[in-house]
Protein backbone atom coordinates (compact mmCIF):
# COMPACT_ATOMS: atom_id res chain seq x y z
CA UNK A 1 65.76 45.96 -7.19
CA UNK A 2 61.85 45.21 -6.75
CA UNK A 3 60.26 48.84 -6.48
CA UNK A 4 58.91 50.06 -4.01
CA UNK A 5 60.65 47.66 -1.61
CA UNK A 6 63.84 49.40 -1.09
CA UNK A 7 62.64 53.00 0.17
CA UNK A 8 60.63 53.93 2.91
CA UNK A 9 57.93 55.78 1.09
CA UNK A 10 56.33 52.42 0.27
CA UNK A 11 56.19 52.03 3.62
CA UNK A 12 54.33 54.84 4.53
CA UNK A 13 52.34 54.63 1.95
CA UNK A 14 50.69 51.18 2.72
CA UNK A 15 50.34 53.08 6.43
CA UNK A 16 47.74 54.97 5.28
CA UNK A 17 47.60 58.59 6.81
CA UNK A 18 49.60 59.89 8.87
CA UNK A 19 51.37 56.60 8.77
CA UNK A 20 48.71 54.38 10.31
CA UNK A 21 49.26 56.63 13.98
CA UNK A 22 45.97 58.94 14.95
CA UNK A 23 43.03 57.25 13.61
CA UNK A 24 41.47 55.46 15.55
CA UNK A 25 39.50 52.84 14.67
CA UNK A 26 35.47 51.74 15.49
CA UNK A 27 35.28 48.20 17.74
CA UNK A 28 34.62 45.52 16.26
CA UNK A 29 31.23 44.45 17.20
CA UNK A 30 30.87 41.00 19.97
CA UNK A 31 31.43 37.94 18.33
CA UNK A 32 29.18 35.35 19.47
CA UNK A 33 30.50 33.62 22.84
CA UNK A 34 31.15 36.83 23.48
CA UNK A 35 27.07 37.63 23.23
CA UNK A 36 26.20 34.35 24.74
CA UNK A 37 28.85 34.67 27.59
CA UNK A 38 26.68 38.35 28.49
CA UNK A 39 23.62 36.50 28.27
CA UNK A 40 24.43 34.01 30.80
CA UNK A 41 26.04 36.62 32.90
CA UNK A 42 23.15 38.48 32.83
CA UNK A 43 20.95 35.53 33.93
CA UNK A 44 23.22 34.54 36.90
CA UNK A 45 23.22 38.07 38.18
CA UNK A 46 20.29 38.47 38.42
CA UNK A 47 19.75 35.10 40.22
CA UNK A 48 23.31 34.82 42.46
CA UNK A 49 26.01 35.39 40.18
CA UNK A 50 27.88 32.23 38.13
CA UNK A 51 31.24 31.40 38.22
CA UNK A 52 33.52 31.30 35.84
CA UNK A 53 32.72 26.65 35.50
CA UNK A 54 29.45 27.80 35.00
CA UNK A 55 29.49 30.27 32.46
CA UNK A 56 31.54 27.85 30.92
CA UNK A 57 29.30 25.32 30.93
CA UNK A 58 26.33 27.22 29.58
CA UNK A 59 28.37 28.67 26.71
CA UNK A 60 29.38 25.67 25.47
CA UNK A 61 33.56 25.85 26.84
CA UNK A 62 35.14 23.52 29.16
CA UNK A 63 37.93 25.08 30.04
CA UNK A 64 38.35 27.76 32.65
CA UNK A 65 40.99 29.88 30.62
CA UNK A 66 38.82 30.43 28.36
CA UNK A 67 36.56 31.50 29.67
CA UNK A 68 38.10 34.00 31.38
CA UNK A 69 40.30 35.17 28.33
CA UNK A 70 36.38 35.47 26.86
CA UNK A 71 35.82 37.48 30.21
CA UNK A 72 38.47 39.70 29.77
CA UNK A 73 38.23 41.03 25.90
CA UNK A 74 34.90 41.76 27.45
CA UNK A 75 36.39 43.61 29.97
CA UNK A 76 38.47 45.07 27.76
CA UNK A 77 35.62 46.29 26.25
CA UNK A 78 33.70 48.03 28.85
CA UNK A 79 31.12 46.10 29.29
CA UNK A 80 32.32 43.75 32.58
CA UNK A 81 34.20 45.00 35.30
CA UNK A 82 35.81 43.22 38.62
CA UNK A 83 35.43 45.08 41.79
CA UNK A 84 38.56 42.38 42.95
CA UNK A 85 41.15 40.34 41.55
CA UNK A 86 38.61 37.08 41.18
CA UNK A 87 35.61 36.65 38.32
CA UNK A 88 33.40 35.87 40.76
CA UNK A 89 33.41 40.09 42.06
CA UNK A 90 32.30 40.16 38.08
CA UNK A 91 29.38 42.88 37.52
CA UNK A 92 27.98 44.21 33.96
CA UNK A 93 28.79 47.83 33.18
CA UNK A 94 25.72 49.15 31.39
CA UNK A 95 26.70 49.13 27.35
CA UNK A 96 28.48 52.40 25.75
CA UNK A 97 27.20 53.61 23.09
CA UNK A 98 29.08 53.36 19.46
CA UNK A 99 30.91 56.85 18.74
CA UNK A 100 29.69 57.50 15.89
CA UNK A 101 32.99 57.74 12.98
CA UNK A 102 34.70 60.79 11.60
CA UNK A 103 36.80 63.70 11.85
CA UNK A 104 36.62 65.56 16.22
CA UNK A 105 38.12 68.16 16.92
CA UNK A 106 41.10 67.89 19.70
């Protein structure tokens, strides 16, 4: 028998406080590519609004699927949103302030 592998206590200990539940982590900083996509959106929106292909061309992505993935990640972070189903309806949202880490009451 290998110590620390048979029981559930070792597993719970590795997960941290509350078994890994209830602890919110700070969002990761934007990647360089996500920053570049946001910059392109800002410029193009002031001009006429970008297409997915145009965003890809400006940040060096040839796959529209890759651009859509980056846009989806930005949408999940609340930095862009769509008013319709297509990315042609993409609008920038104001950047959300990052919440300070620490304990909060419910």
